[in-house]
Amino acid sequence: MAGADDDIEKLLREVEGALGTGSAGAVQPAQSAPSTQKATTSGFSEALPRATAVGVVWGVGVGGVFFVLPFVHSISGAIGAFVTGFSVSLVGRLRR
């Protein structure tokens, strides 16, 4: 049974070392975060191409399905799917 306790202590030391906690168990202070304005601008510029691609994929998909259906106009469905996919993807990326 003593061997199991030694294994647990060894595992706890490895975890503390990986997490960067000191020998006393004190948590290291967090580094300062970058400016919120800079992070938002960077996040927007990174999210815009991905949101556009998501909107295009959904627009083409819905437009293709609506093109087959005779009672629905495909362009309105495609535009609606693009706007929805674009906005959901953009807002989802910016909230992270």
C-alpha atoms as a PDB file:
ATOM      1  CA  MET A   1       0.000   0.000   0.000  1.00  0.00           C
ATOM      2  CA  ALA A   2       2.954   2.304   0.637  1.00  0.00           C
ATOM      3  CA  GLY A   3       3.958   1.955  -3.021  1.00  0.00           C
ATOM      4  CA  ALA A   4       0.589   3.315  -4.139  1.00  0.00           C
ATOM      5  CA  ASP A   5       1.031   6.370  -1.889  1.00  0.00           C
ATOM      6  CA  ASP A   6       4.478   6.984  -3.386  1.00  0.00           C
ATOM      7  CA  ASP A   7       3.036   6.767  -6.891  1.00  0.00           C
ATOM      8  CA  ILE A   8       0.329   9.279  -6.012  1.00  0.00           C
ATOM      9  CA  GLU A   9       2.877  11.702  -4.536  1.00  0.00           C
ATOM     10  CA  LYS A  10       5.067  11.326  -7.617  1.00  0.00           C
ATOM     11  CA  LEU A  11       2.077  11.998  -9.891  1.00  0.00           C
ATOM     12  CA  LEU A  12       1.092  15.059  -7.862  1.00  0.00           C
ATOM     13  CA  ARG A  13       4.633  16.451  -8.137  1.00  0.00           C
ATOM     14  CA  GLU A  14       4.561  15.935 -11.916  1.00  0.00           C
ATOM     15  CA  VAL A  15       1.207  17.723 -12.189  1.00  0.00           C
ATOM     16  CA  GLU A  16       2.424  20.624 -10.055  1.00  0.00           C
ATOM     17  CA  GLY A  17       5.529  20.890 -12.217  1.00  0.00           C
ATOM     18  CA  ALA A  18       3.489  20.857 -15.427  1.00  0.00           C
ATOM     19  CA  LEU A  19       1.089  23.487 -14.136  1.00  0.00           C
ATOM     20  CA  GLY A  20       3.925  25.707 -12.983  1.00  0.00           C
ATOM     21  CA  THR A  21       2.898  25.856  -9.356  1.00  0.00           C
ATOM     22  CA  GLY A  22       5.629  26.360  -6.783  1.00  0.00           C
ATOM     23  CA  SER A  23       6.666  23.852  -4.151  1.00  0.00           C
ATOM     24  CA  ALA A  24       4.437  25.618  -1.616  1.00  0.00           C
ATOM     25  CA  GLY A  25       1.448  25.259  -3.947  1.00  0.00           C
ATOM     26  CA  ALA A  26       1.184  28.994  -4.639  1.00  0.00           C
ATOM     27  CA  VAL A  27      -0.271  29.886  -7.994  1.00  0.00           C
ATOM     28  CA  GLN A  28       1.895  32.016 -10.253  1.00  0.00           C
ATOM     29  CA  PRO A  29       0.461  35.480 -11.033  1.00  0.00           C
ATOM     30  CA  ALA A  30      -1.246  35.753 -14.397  1.00  0.00           C
ATOM     31  CA  GLN A  31       0.453  37.690 -17.160  1.00  0.00           C
ATOM     32  CA  SER A  32      -1.160  40.931 -18.202  1.00  0.00           C
ATOM     33  CA  ALA A  33      -3.653  40.513 -21.032  1.00  0.00           C
ATOM     34  CA  PRO A  34      -3.248  42.520 -24.245  1.00  0.00           C
ATOM     35  CA  SER A  35      -5.330  45.595 -24.780  1.00  0.00           C
ATOM     36  CA  THR A  36      -9.028  44.856 -25.340  1.00  0.00           C
ATOM     37  CA  GLN A  37      -9.196  47.193 -28.334  1.00  0.00           C
ATOM     38  CA  LYS A  38      -6.262  45.478 -30.028  1.00  0.00           C
ATOM     39  CA  ALA A  39      -7.661  42.003 -29.290  1.00  0.00           C
ATOM     40  CA  THR A  40     -11.082  42.955 -30.681  1.00  0.00           C
ATOM     41  CA  THR A  41      -9.589  44.388 -33.865  1.00  0.00           C
ATOM     42  CA  SER A  42      -7.371  41.361 -34.315  1.00  0.00           C
ATOM     43  CA  GLY A  43     -10.264  38.989 -33.621  1.00  0.00           C
ATOM     44  CA  PHE A  44     -12.469  40.790 -36.142  1.00  0.00           C
ATOM     45  CA  SER A  45      -9.856  40.686 -38.902  1.00  0.00           C
ATOM     46  CA  GLU A  46      -9.266  36.976 -38.259  1.00  0.00           C
ATOM     47  CA  ALA A  47     -12.986  36.137 -38.068  1.00  0.00           C
ATOM     48  CA  LEU A  48     -14.059  38.013 -41.209  1.00  0.00           C
ATOM     49  CA  PRO A  49     -12.635  35.628 -43.866  1.00  0.00           C
ATOM     50  CA  ARG A  50     -13.906  32.557 -42.033  1.00  0.00           C
ATOM     51  CA  ALA A  51     -17.359  34.089 -41.591  1.00  0.00           C
ATOM     52  CA  THR A  52     -17.459  34.955 -45.296  1.00  0.00           C
ATOM     53  CA  ALA A  53     -16.535  31.392 -46.239  1.00  0.00           C
ATOM     54  CA  VAL A  54     -19.220  29.981 -43.929  1.00  0.00           C
ATOM     55  CA  GLY A  55     -21.789  32.339 -45.437  1.00  0.00           C
ATOM     56  CA  VAL A  56     -20.847  31.389 -48.990  1.00  0.00           C
ATOM     57  CA  VAL A  57     -21.038  27.665 -48.259  1.00  0.00           C
ATOM     58  CA  TRP A  58     -24.459  27.961 -46.644  1.00  0.00           C
ATOM     59  CA  GLY A  59     -25.677  30.331 -49.368  1.00  0.00           C
ATOM     60  CA  VAL A  60     -24.656  27.956 -52.151  1.00  0.00           C
ATOM     61  CA  GLY A  61     -26.118  24.968 -50.317  1.00  0.00           C
ATOM     62  CA  VAL A  62     -29.473  26.537 -49.575  1.00  0.00           C
ATOM     63  CA  GLY A  63     -29.612  28.198 -52.999  1.00  0.00           C
ATOM     64  CA  GLY A  64     -28.979  24.821 -54.642  1.00  0.00           C
ATOM     65  CA  VAL A  65     -31.715  23.114 -52.646  1.00  0.00           C
ATOM     66  CA  PHE A  66     -34.170  25.940 -53.278  1.00  0.00           C
ATOM     67  CA  PHE A  67     -33.294  25.898 -56.994  1.00  0.00           C
ATOM     68  CA  VAL A  68     -34.705  22.371 -57.200  1.00  0.00           C
ATOM     69  CA  LEU A  69     -37.924  23.285 -55.404  1.00  0.00           C
ATOM     70  CA  PRO A  70     -40.319  24.975 -57.864  1.00  0.00           C
ATOM     71  CA  PHE A  71     -42.295  26.997 -55.314  1.00  0.00           C
ATOM     72  CA  VAL A  72     -39.421  28.785 -53.560  1.00  0.00           C
ATOM     73  CA  HIS A  73     -37.162  31.474 -55.031  1.00  0.00           C
ATOM     74  CA  SER A  74     -33.584  30.312 -54.751  1.00  0.00           C
ATOM     75  CA  ILE A  75     -31.956  33.754 -54.604  1.00  0.00           C
ATOM     76  CA  SER A  76     -33.854  34.858 -51.513  1.00  0.00           C
ATOM     77  CA  GLY A  77     -33.002  31.624 -49.704  1.00  0.00           C
ATOM     78  CA  ALA A  78     -29.361  31.885 -50.728  1.00  0.00           C
ATOM     79  CA  ILE A  79     -29.084  35.480 -49.530  1.00  0.00           C
ATOM     80  CA  GLY A  80     -30.824  34.650 -46.268  1.00  0.00           C
ATOM     81  CA  ALA A  81     -28.551  31.662 -45.671  1.00  0.00           C
ATOM     82  CA  PHE A  82     -25.452  33.750 -46.433  1.00  0.00           C
ATOM     83  CA  VAL A  83     -26.449  36.532 -44.052  1.00  0.00           C
ATOM     84  CA  THR A  84     -27.380  34.079 -41.310  1.00  0.00           C
ATOM     85  CA  GLY A  85     -24.249  31.949 -41.674  1.00  0.00           C
ATOM     86  CA  PHE A  86     -22.010  35.009 -41.885  1.00  0.00           C
ATOM     87  CA  SER A  87     -23.482  36.731 -38.849  1.00  0.00           C
ATOM     88  CA  VAL A  88     -23.623  33.625 -36.650  1.00  0.00           C
ATOM     89  CA  SER A  89     -20.035  32.723 -37.494  1.00  0.00           C
ATOM     90  CA  LEU A  90     -18.774  36.277 -36.976  1.00  0.00           C
ATOM     91  CA  VAL A  91     -20.550  36.787 -33.650  1.00  0.00           C
ATOM     92  CA  GLY A  92     -19.465  33.341 -32.463  1.00  0.00           C
ATOM     93  CA  ARG A  93     -15.818  34.073 -33.238  1.00  0.00           C
ATOM     94  CA  LEU A  94     -15.869  37.516 -31.656  1.00  0.00           C
ATOM     95  CA  ARG A  95     -17.392  36.232 -28.403  1.00  0.00           C
ATOM     96  CA  ARG A  96     -14.456  33.863 -27.785  1.00  0.00           C
END
